[in-house]
Amino acid sequence: MCRNIHPLHNFEPAATNDEVHAAALQFVRKVAGTTKPSRANAAAFDEAVEEIAHITRHLLDHLVTNAPPKNREIEAEKARARAARRYVSV
């Protein structure tokens, strides 16, 4: 999985459309193998991003869970702590 795509489900407040679009863009970039498509492929690339963002929003809107919503700041701090442990000098 692409490291730049972050979980979007079960956060309070819910994932924004910008976050969903960014995840879709990262996914399409990974699958296409390029960060910027050629002019010839730009329309297909952009269409794929929009379709994946749409279906991702649909998925997020329909998922259910019994778990309490996660806090973005707490999850970000956990990620920073994991990164600090991962990249500590030996």
PDB file of N, CA and C in Angstrom:
ATOM      1  N   MET A   1       0.847  -1.183   0.000  1.00  0.00           N
ATOM      2  CA  MET A   1       0.000   0.000   0.000  1.00  0.00           C
ATOM      3  C   MET A   1       0.890   1.243   0.000  1.00  0.00           C
ATOM      4  N   CYS A   2       0.410   2.246  -0.625  1.00  0.00           N
ATOM      5  CA  CYS A   2       1.146   3.505  -0.682  1.00  0.00           C
ATOM      6  C   CYS A   2       1.225   4.127   0.709  1.00  0.00           C
ATOM      7  N   ARG A   3       2.404   4.478   1.140  1.00  0.00           N
ATOM      8  CA  ARG A   3       2.575   5.041   2.482  1.00  0.00           C
ATOM      9  C   ARG A   3       1.915   6.397   2.651  1.00  0.00           C
ATOM     10  N   ASN A   4       1.640   7.095   1.567  1.00  0.00           N
ATOM     11  CA  ASN A   4       1.026   8.413   1.662  1.00  0.00           C
ATOM     12  C   ASN A   4      -0.487   8.370   1.778  1.00  0.00           C
ATOM     13  N   ILE A   5      -1.084   7.192   1.622  1.00  0.00           N
ATOM     14  CA  ILE A   5      -2.524   7.068   1.785  1.00  0.00           C
ATOM     15  C   ILE A   5      -2.792   6.696   3.236  1.00  0.00           C
ATOM     16  N   HIS A   6      -3.538   7.534   3.911  1.00  0.00           N
ATOM     17  CA  HIS A   6      -3.807   7.340   5.327  1.00  0.00           C
ATOM     18  C   HIS A   6      -5.235   6.836   5.524  1.00  0.00           C
ATOM     19  N   PRO A   7      -5.463   6.071   6.598  1.00  0.00           N
ATOM     20  CA  PRO A   7      -6.836   5.648   6.886  1.00  0.00           C
ATOM     21  C   PRO A   7      -7.742   6.872   7.026  1.00  0.00           C
ATOM     22  N   LEU A   8      -8.936   6.777   6.485  1.00  0.00           N
ATOM     23  CA  LEU A   8      -9.885   7.888   6.520  1.00  0.00           C
ATOM     24  C   LEU A   8     -11.160   7.540   7.283  1.00  0.00           C
ATOM     25  N   HIS A   9     -11.339   6.283   7.608  1.00  0.00           N
ATOM     26  CA  HIS A   9     -12.566   5.832   8.260  1.00  0.00           C
ATOM     27  C   HIS A   9     -12.519   6.022   9.770  1.00  0.00           C
ATOM     28  N   ASN A  10     -13.652   6.392  10.322  1.00  0.00           N
ATOM     29  CA  ASN A  10     -13.877   6.467  11.765  1.00  0.00           C
ATOM     30  C   ASN A  10     -13.075   7.565  12.451  1.00  0.00           C
ATOM     31  N   PHE A  11     -13.059   8.732  11.852  1.00  0.00           N
ATOM     32  CA  PHE A  11     -12.449   9.899  12.478  1.00  0.00           C
ATOM     33  C   PHE A  11     -13.530  10.921  12.780  1.00  0.00           C
ATOM     34  N   GLU A  12     -13.304  11.687  13.803  1.00  0.00           N
ATOM     35  CA  GLU A  12     -14.202  12.787  14.142  1.00  0.00           C
ATOM     36  C   GLU A  12     -13.396  14.065  14.134  1.00  0.00           C
ATOM     37  N   PRO A  13     -13.660  15.016  13.284  1.00  0.00           N
ATOM     38  CA  PRO A  13     -14.711  15.003  12.273  1.00  0.00           C
ATOM     39  C   PRO A  13     -14.369  14.063  11.125  1.00  0.00           C
ATOM     40  N   ALA A  14     -15.368  13.729  10.342  1.00  0.00           N
ATOM     41  CA  ALA A  14     -15.198  12.795   9.227  1.00  0.00           C
ATOM     42  C   ALA A  14     -14.203  13.340   8.206  1.00  0.00           C
ATOM     43  N   ALA A  15     -13.674  12.436   7.396  1.00  0.00           N
ATOM     44  CA  ALA A  15     -12.722  12.826   6.346  1.00  0.00           C
ATOM     45  C   ALA A  15     -13.352  13.858   5.416  1.00  0.00           C
ATOM     46  N   THR A  16     -12.566  14.849   5.069  1.00  0.00           N
ATOM     47  CA  THR A  16     -13.046  15.892   4.158  1.00  0.00           C
ATOM     48  C   THR A  16     -12.945  15.407   2.713  1.00  0.00           C
ATOM     49  N   ASN A  17     -13.621  16.099   1.829  1.00  0.00           N
ATOM     50  CA  ASN A  17     -13.522  15.761   0.407  1.00  0.00           C
ATOM     51  C   ASN A  17     -12.106  15.964  -0.103  1.00  0.00           C
ATOM     52  N   ASP A  18     -11.382  16.939   0.459  1.00  0.00           N
ATOM     53  CA  ASP A  18      -9.982  17.145   0.067  1.00  0.00           C
ATOM     54  C   ASP A  18      -9.123  15.946   0.461  1.00  0.00           C
ATOM     55  N   GLU A  19      -9.352  15.388   1.641  1.00  0.00           N
ATOM     56  CA  GLU A  19      -8.593  14.211   2.076  1.00  0.00           C
ATOM     57  C   GLU A  19      -8.908  13.006   1.198  1.00  0.00           C
ATOM     58  N   VAL A  20     -10.180  12.839   0.861  1.00  0.00           N
ATOM     59  CA  VAL A  20     -10.583  11.733  -0.012  1.00  0.00           C
ATOM     60  C   VAL A  20      -9.949  11.910  -1.392  1.00  0.00           C
ATOM     61  N   HIS A  21      -9.964  13.119  -1.924  1.00  0.00           N
ATOM     62  CA  HIS A  21      -9.365  13.388  -3.240  1.00  0.00           C
ATOM     63  C   HIS A  21      -7.855  13.136  -3.204  1.00  0.00           C
ATOM     64  N   ALA A  22      -7.188  13.554  -2.131  1.00  0.00           N
ATOM     65  CA  ALA A  22      -5.737  13.339  -2.020  1.00  0.00           C
ATOM     66  C   ALA A  22      -5.412  11.854  -1.985  1.00  0.00           C
ATOM     67  N   ALA A  23      -6.211  11.061  -1.284  1.00  0.00           N
ATOM     68  CA  ALA A  23      -5.986   9.615  -1.240  1.00  0.00           C
ATOM     69  C   ALA A  23      -6.192   9.005  -2.621  1.00  0.00           C
ATOM     70  N   ALA A  24      -7.248   9.457  -3.323  1.00  0.00           N
ATOM     71  CA  ALA A  24      -7.503   8.947  -4.673  1.00  0.00           C
ATOM     72  C   ALA A  24      -6.359   9.309  -5.617  1.00  0.00           C
ATOM     73  N   LEU A  25      -5.867  10.522  -5.503  1.00  0.00           N
ATOM     74  CA  LEU A  25      -4.749  10.964  -6.339  1.00  0.00           C
ATOM     75  C   LEU A  25      -3.508  10.107  -6.078  1.00  0.00           C
ATOM     76  N   GLN A  26      -3.200   9.844  -4.817  1.00  0.00           N
ATOM     77  CA  GLN A  26      -2.040   9.012  -4.489  1.00  0.00           C
ATOM     78  C   GLN A  26      -2.208   7.601  -5.045  1.00  0.00           C
ATOM     79  N   PHE A  27      -3.417   7.065  -4.947  1.00  0.00           N
ATOM     80  CA  PHE A  27      -3.674   5.730  -5.469  1.00  0.00           C
ATOM     81  C   PHE A  27      -3.449   5.684  -6.982  1.00  0.00           C
ATOM     82  N   VAL A  28      -4.012   6.636  -7.704  1.00  0.00           N
ATOM     83  CA  VAL A  28      -3.872   6.657  -9.162  1.00  0.00           C
ATOM     84  C   VAL A  28      -2.409   6.865  -9.546  1.00  0.00           C
ATOM     85  N   ARG A  29      -1.704   7.717  -8.834  1.00  0.00           N
ATOM     86  CA  ARG A  29      -0.273   7.913  -9.111  1.00  0.00           C
ATOM     87  C   ARG A  29       0.487   6.609  -8.942  1.00  0.00           C
ATOM     88  N   LYS A  30       0.170   5.874  -7.887  1.00  0.00           N
ATOM     89  CA  LYS A  30       0.862   4.614  -7.620  1.00  0.00           C
ATOM     90  C   LYS A  30       0.574   3.599  -8.723  1.00  0.00           C
ATOM     91  N   VAL A  31      -0.704   3.460  -9.079  1.00  0.00           N
ATOM     92  CA  VAL A  31      -1.086   2.493 -10.105  1.00  0.00           C
ATOM     93  C   VAL A  31      -0.508   2.874 -11.468  1.00  0.00           C
ATOM     94  N   ALA A  32      -0.552   4.168 -11.786  1.00  0.00           N
ATOM     95  CA  ALA A  32      -0.062   4.632 -13.093  1.00  0.00           C
ATOM     96  C   ALA A  32       1.464   4.662 -13.161  1.00  0.00           C
ATOM     97  N   GLY A  33       2.102   4.720 -12.010  1.00  0.00           N
ATOM     98  CA  GLY A  33       3.560   4.757 -11.995  1.00  0.00           C
ATOM     99  C   GLY A  33       4.126   6.119 -12.332  1.00  0.00           C
ATOM    100  N   THR A  34       3.327   7.162 -12.172  1.00  0.00           N
ATOM    101  CA  THR A  34       3.786   8.507 -12.479  1.00  0.00           C
ATOM    102  C   THR A  34       3.074   9.509 -11.582  1.00  0.00           C
ATOM    103  N   THR A  35       3.757  10.588 -11.269  1.00  0.00           N
ATOM    104  CA  THR A  35       3.124  11.627 -10.465  1.00  0.00           C
ATOM    105  C   THR A  35       2.406  12.643 -11.324  1.00  0.00           C
ATOM    106  N   LYS A  36       2.828  12.744 -12.580  1.00  0.00           N
ATOM    107  CA  LYS A  36       2.190  13.678 -13.496  1.00  0.00           C
ATOM    108  C   LYS A  36       2.049  12.996 -14.851  1.00  0.00           C
ATOM    109  N   PRO A  37       0.814  12.817 -15.295  1.00  0.00           N
ATOM    110  CA  PRO A  37       0.629  12.122 -16.575  1.00  0.00           C
ATOM    111  C   PRO A  37       1.004  13.009 -17.755  1.00  0.00           C
ATOM    112  N   SER A  38       1.274  12.373 -18.877  1.00  0.00           N
ATOM    113  CA  SER A  38       1.508  13.122 -20.110  1.00  0.00           C
ATOM    114  C   SER A  38       0.195  13.775 -20.539  1.00  0.00           C
ATOM    115  N   ARG A  39       0.284  14.721 -21.447  1.00  0.00           N
ATOM    116  CA  ARG A  39      -0.939  15.370 -21.951  1.00  0.00           C
ATOM    117  C   ARG A  39      -1.892  14.348 -22.552  1.00  0.00           C
ATOM    118  N   ALA A  40      -1.326  13.358 -23.208  1.00  0.00           N
ATOM    119  CA  ALA A  40      -2.148  12.332 -23.849  1.00  0.00           C
ATOM    120  C   ALA A  40      -2.939  11.517 -22.826  1.00  0.00           C
ATOM    121  N   ASN A  41      -2.410  11.391 -21.611  1.00  0.00           N
ATOM    122  CA  ASN A  41      -3.054  10.575 -20.583  1.00  0.00           C
ATOM    123  C   ASN A  41      -3.737  11.395 -19.492  1.00  0.00           C
ATOM    124  N   ALA A  42      -3.652  12.709 -19.560  1.00  0.00           N
ATOM    125  CA  ALA A  42      -4.171  13.563 -18.484  1.00  0.00           C
ATOM    126  C   ALA A  42      -5.667  13.366 -18.256  1.00  0.00           C
ATOM    127  N   ALA A  43      -6.442  13.281 -19.310  1.00  0.00           N
ATOM    128  CA  ALA A  43      -7.888  13.133 -19.149  1.00  0.00           C
ATOM    129  C   ALA A  43      -8.232  11.812 -18.462  1.00  0.00           C
ATOM    130  N   ALA A  44      -7.600  10.736 -18.885  1.00  0.00           N
ATOM    131  CA  ALA A  44      -7.854   9.435 -18.264  1.00  0.00           C
ATOM    132  C   ALA A  44      -7.408   9.431 -16.810  1.00  0.00           C
ATOM    133  N   PHE A  45      -6.269  10.051 -16.533  1.00  0.00           N
ATOM    134  CA  PHE A  45      -5.730  10.144 -15.174  1.00  0.00           C
ATOM    135  C   PHE A  45      -6.701  10.913 -14.283  1.00  0.00           C
ATOM    136  N   ASP A  46      -7.133  12.088 -14.744  1.00  0.00           N
ATOM    137  CA  ASP A  46      -8.043  12.929 -13.958  1.00  0.00           C
ATOM    138  C   ASP A  46      -9.389  12.247 -13.747  1.00  0.00           C
ATOM    139  N   GLU A  47      -9.879  11.568 -14.768  1.00  0.00           N
ATOM    140  CA  GLU A  47     -11.150  10.851 -14.643  1.00  0.00           C
ATOM    141  C   GLU A  47     -11.040   9.738 -13.607  1.00  0.00           C
ATOM    142  N   ALA A  48      -9.917   9.026 -13.629  1.00  0.00           N
ATOM    143  CA  ALA A  48      -9.706   7.949 -12.652  1.00  0.00           C
ATOM    144  C   ALA A  48      -9.679   8.511 -11.232  1.00  0.00           C
ATOM    145  N   VAL A  49      -8.995   9.634 -11.037  1.00  0.00           N
ATOM    146  CA  VAL A  49      -8.938  10.249  -9.703  1.00  0.00           C
ATOM    147  C   VAL A  49     -10.345  10.596  -9.229  1.00  0.00           C
ATOM    148  N   GLU A  50     -11.143  11.214 -10.092  1.00  0.00           N
ATOM    149  CA  GLU A  50     -12.504  11.614  -9.705  1.00  0.00           C
ATOM    150  C   GLU A  50     -13.379  10.405  -9.402  1.00  0.00           C
ATOM    151  N   GLU A  51     -13.283   9.366 -10.206  1.00  0.00           N
ATOM    152  CA  GLU A  51     -14.090   8.168  -9.973  1.00  0.00           C
ATOM    153  C   GLU A  51     -13.693   7.469  -8.684  1.00  0.00           C
ATOM    154  N   ILE A  52     -12.408   7.373  -8.432  1.00  0.00           N
ATOM    155  CA  ILE A  52     -11.943   6.724  -7.204  1.00  0.00           C
ATOM    156  C   ILE A  52     -12.299   7.562  -5.987  1.00  0.00           C
ATOM    157  N   ALA A  53     -12.209   8.871  -6.087  1.00  0.00           N
ATOM    158  CA  ALA A  53     -12.624   9.736  -4.974  1.00  0.00           C
ATOM    159  C   ALA A  53     -14.113   9.550  -4.699  1.00  0.00           C
ATOM    160  N   HIS A  54     -14.916   9.472  -5.754  1.00  0.00           N
ATOM    161  CA  HIS A  54     -16.359   9.288  -5.592  1.00  0.00           C
ATOM    162  C   HIS A  54     -16.673   7.973  -4.885  1.00  0.00           C
ATOM    163  N   ILE A  55     -16.081   6.893  -5.342  1.00  0.00           N
ATOM    164  CA  ILE A  55     -16.372   5.587  -4.756  1.00  0.00           C
ATOM    165  C   ILE A  55     -15.792   5.482  -3.346  1.00  0.00           C
ATOM    166  N   THR A  56     -14.681   6.160  -3.089  1.00  0.00           N
ATOM    167  CA  THR A  56     -14.119   6.182  -1.741  1.00  0.00           C
ATOM    168  C   THR A  56     -15.064   6.905  -0.790  1.00  0.00           C
ATOM    169  N   ARG A  57     -15.600   8.039  -1.217  1.00  0.00           N
ATOM    170  CA  ARG A  57     -16.570   8.765  -0.393  1.00  0.00           C
ATOM    171  C   ARG A  57     -17.789   7.890  -0.122  1.00  0.00           C
ATOM    172  N   HIS A  58     -18.263   7.192  -1.160  1.00  0.00           N
ATOM    173  CA  HIS A  58     -19.403   6.287  -1.013  1.00  0.00           C
ATOM    174  C   HIS A  58     -19.090   5.205   0.029  1.00  0.00           C
ATOM    175  N   LEU A  59     -17.916   4.619  -0.068  1.00  0.00           N
ATOM    176  CA  LEU A  59     -17.502   3.600   0.890  1.00  0.00           C
ATOM    177  C   LEU A  59     -17.472   4.161   2.305  1.00  0.00           C
ATOM    178  N   LEU A  60     -16.812   5.291   2.495  1.00  0.00           N
ATOM    179  CA  LEU A  60     -16.710   5.877   3.831  1.00  0.00           C
ATOM    180  C   LEU A  60     -18.078   6.219   4.411  1.00  0.00           C
ATOM    181  N   ASP A  61     -18.985   6.670   3.568  1.00  0.00           N
ATOM    182  CA  ASP A  61     -20.325   7.031   4.031  1.00  0.00           C
ATOM    183  C   ASP A  61     -21.148   5.817   4.436  1.00  0.00           C
ATOM    184  N   HIS A  62     -20.788   4.638   3.948  1.00  0.00           N
ATOM    185  CA  HIS A  62     -21.587   3.446   4.223  1.00  0.00           C
ATOM    186  C   HIS A  62     -20.934   2.459   5.199  1.00  0.00           C
ATOM    187  N   LEU A  63     -19.677   2.667   5.555  1.00  0.00           N
ATOM    188  CA  LEU A  63     -19.046   1.788   6.542  1.00  0.00           C
ATOM    189  C   LEU A  63     -19.649   2.040   7.916  1.00  0.00           C
ATOM    190  N   VAL A  64     -19.781   0.975   8.704  1.00  0.00           N
ATOM    191  CA  VAL A  64     -20.269   1.111  10.076  1.00  0.00           C
ATOM    192  C   VAL A  64     -19.245   0.494  11.017  1.00  0.00           C
ATOM    193  N   THR A  65     -19.228   0.987  12.234  1.00  0.00           N
ATOM    194  CA  THR A  65     -18.319   0.461  13.243  1.00  0.00           C
ATOM    195  C   THR A  65     -18.917   0.696  14.618  1.00  0.00           C
ATOM    196  N   ASN A  66     -18.524  -0.142  15.555  1.00  0.00           N
ATOM    197  CA  ASN A  66     -18.922   0.038  16.944  1.00  0.00           C
ATOM    198  C   ASN A  66     -17.837   0.754  17.741  1.00  0.00           C
ATOM    199  N   ALA A  67     -16.679   0.929  17.128  1.00  0.00           N
ATOM    200  CA  ALA A  67     -15.553   1.576  17.799  1.00  0.00           C
ATOM    201  C   ALA A  67     -15.802   3.074  17.911  1.00  0.00           C
ATOM    202  N   PRO A  68     -15.314   3.679  18.970  1.00  0.00           N
ATOM    203  CA  PRO A  68     -15.470   5.140  19.074  1.00  0.00           C
ATOM    204  C   PRO A  68     -14.608   5.825  18.018  1.00  0.00           C
ATOM    205  N   PRO A  69     -15.019   7.000  17.549  1.00  0.00           N
ATOM    206  CA  PRO A  69     -14.231   7.716  16.538  1.00  0.00           C
ATOM    207  C   PRO A  69     -12.839   8.061  17.062  1.00  0.00           C
ATOM    208  N   LYS A  70     -11.875   8.039  16.145  1.00  0.00           N
ATOM    209  CA  LYS A  70     -10.498   8.383  16.505  1.00  0.00           C
ATOM    210  C   LYS A  70     -10.317   9.893  16.417  1.00  0.00           C
ATOM    211  N   ASN A  71      -9.389  10.370  17.216  1.00  0.00           N
ATOM    212  CA  ASN A  71      -9.046  11.786  17.245  1.00  0.00           C
ATOM    213  C   ASN A  71      -7.847  12.002  16.322  1.00  0.00           C
ATOM    214  N   ARG A  72      -7.945  12.933  15.404  1.00  0.00           N
ATOM    215  CA  ARG A  72      -6.872  13.173  14.425  1.00  0.00           C
ATOM    216  C   ARG A  72      -5.554  13.565  15.086  1.00  0.00           C
ATOM    217  N   GLU A  73      -5.617  14.428  16.076  1.00  0.00           N
ATOM    218  CA  GLU A  73      -4.387  14.892  16.728  1.00  0.00           C
ATOM    219  C   GLU A  73      -3.683  13.751  17.467  1.00  0.00           C
ATOM    220  N   ILE A  74      -4.458  12.917  18.148  1.00  0.00           N
ATOM    221  CA  ILE A  74      -3.865  11.781  18.868  1.00  0.00           C
ATOM    222  C   ILE A  74      -3.245  10.800  17.879  1.00  0.00           C
ATOM    223  N   GLU A  75      -3.945  10.520  16.789  1.00  0.00           N
ATOM    224  CA  GLU A  75      -3.408   9.599  15.778  1.00  0.00           C
ATOM    225  C   GLU A  75      -2.154  10.175  15.124  1.00  0.00           C
ATOM    226  N   ALA A  76      -2.125  11.468  14.882  1.00  0.00           N
ATOM    227  CA  ALA A  76      -0.935  12.106  14.310  1.00  0.00           C
ATOM    228  C   ALA A  76       0.239  12.010  15.265  1.00  0.00           C
ATOM    229  N   GLU A  77      -0.015  12.198  16.561  1.00  0.00           N
ATOM    230  CA  GLU A  77       1.059  12.082  17.554  1.00  0.00           C
ATOM    231  C   GLU A  77       1.592  10.651  17.612  1.00  0.00           C
ATOM    232  N   LYS A  78       0.709   9.673  17.538  1.00  0.00           N
ATOM    233  CA  LYS A  78       1.147   8.267  17.504  1.00  0.00           C
ATOM    234  C   LYS A  78       2.034   8.019  16.288  1.00  0.00           C
ATOM    235  N   ALA A  79       1.652   8.570  15.139  1.00  0.00           N
ATOM    236  CA  ALA A  79       2.442   8.395  13.916  1.00  0.00           C
ATOM    237  C   ALA A  79       3.815   9.046  14.056  1.00  0.00           C
ATOM    238  N   ARG A  80       3.855  10.230  14.664  1.00  0.00           N
ATOM    239  CA  ARG A  80       5.161  10.898  14.881  1.00  0.00           C
ATOM    240  C   ARG A  80       6.040  10.071  15.817  1.00  0.00           C
ATOM    241  N   ALA A  81       5.441   9.478  16.843  1.00  0.00           N
ATOM    242  CA  ALA A  81       6.205   8.649  17.779  1.00  0.00           C
ATOM    243  C   ALA A  81       6.744   7.402  17.075  1.00  0.00           C
ATOM    244  N   ARG A  82       5.916   6.789  16.223  1.00  0.00           N
ATOM    245  CA  ARG A  82       6.397   5.620  15.468  1.00  0.00           C
ATOM    246  C   ARG A  82       7.543   6.006  14.551  1.00  0.00           C
ATOM    247  N   ALA A  83       7.422   7.153  13.891  1.00  0.00           N
ATOM    248  CA  ALA A  83       8.476   7.610  12.985  1.00  0.00           C
ATOM    249  C   ALA A  83       9.755   7.899  13.759  1.00  0.00           C
ATOM    250  N   ALA A  84       9.631   8.500  14.929  1.00  0.00           N
ATOM    251  CA  ALA A  84      10.810   8.794  15.747  1.00  0.00           C
ATOM    252  C   ALA A  84      11.526   7.518  16.146  1.00  0.00           C
ATOM    253  N   ARG A  85      10.770   6.495  16.511  1.00  0.00           N
ATOM    254  CA  ARG A  85      11.392   5.194  16.867  1.00  0.00           C
ATOM    255  C   ARG A  85      12.020   4.545  15.640  1.00  0.00           C
ATOM    256  N   ARG A  86      11.361   4.668  14.498  1.00  0.00           N
ATOM    257  CA  ARG A  86      11.833   4.031  13.277  1.00  0.00           C
ATOM    258  C   ARG A  86      13.131   4.657  12.782  1.00  0.00           C
ATOM    259  N   TYR A  87      13.245   5.978  12.917  1.00  0.00           N
ATOM    260  CA  TYR A  87      14.371   6.688  12.352  1.00  0.00           C
ATOM    261  C   TYR A  87      15.406   7.128  13.374  1.00  0.00           C
ATOM    262  N   VAL A  88      15.373   6.537  14.548  1.00  0.00           N
ATOM    263  CA  VAL A  88      16.346   6.888  15.578  1.00  0.00           C
ATOM    264  C   VAL A  88      17.745   6.434  15.138  1.00  0.00           C
ATOM    265  N   SER A  89      18.736   7.239  15.437  1.00  0.00           N
ATOM    266  CA  SER A  89      20.118   6.879  15.085  1.00  0.00           C
ATOM    267  C   SER A  89      20.614   5.764  15.974  1.00  0.00           C
ATOM    268  N   VAL A  90      21.326   4.842  15.370  1.00  0.00           N
ATOM    269  CA  VAL A  90      21.864   3.714  16.128  1.00  0.00           C
ATOM    270  C   VAL A  90      23.333   3.930  16.364  1.00  0.00           C
TER     271      VAL A  90
END
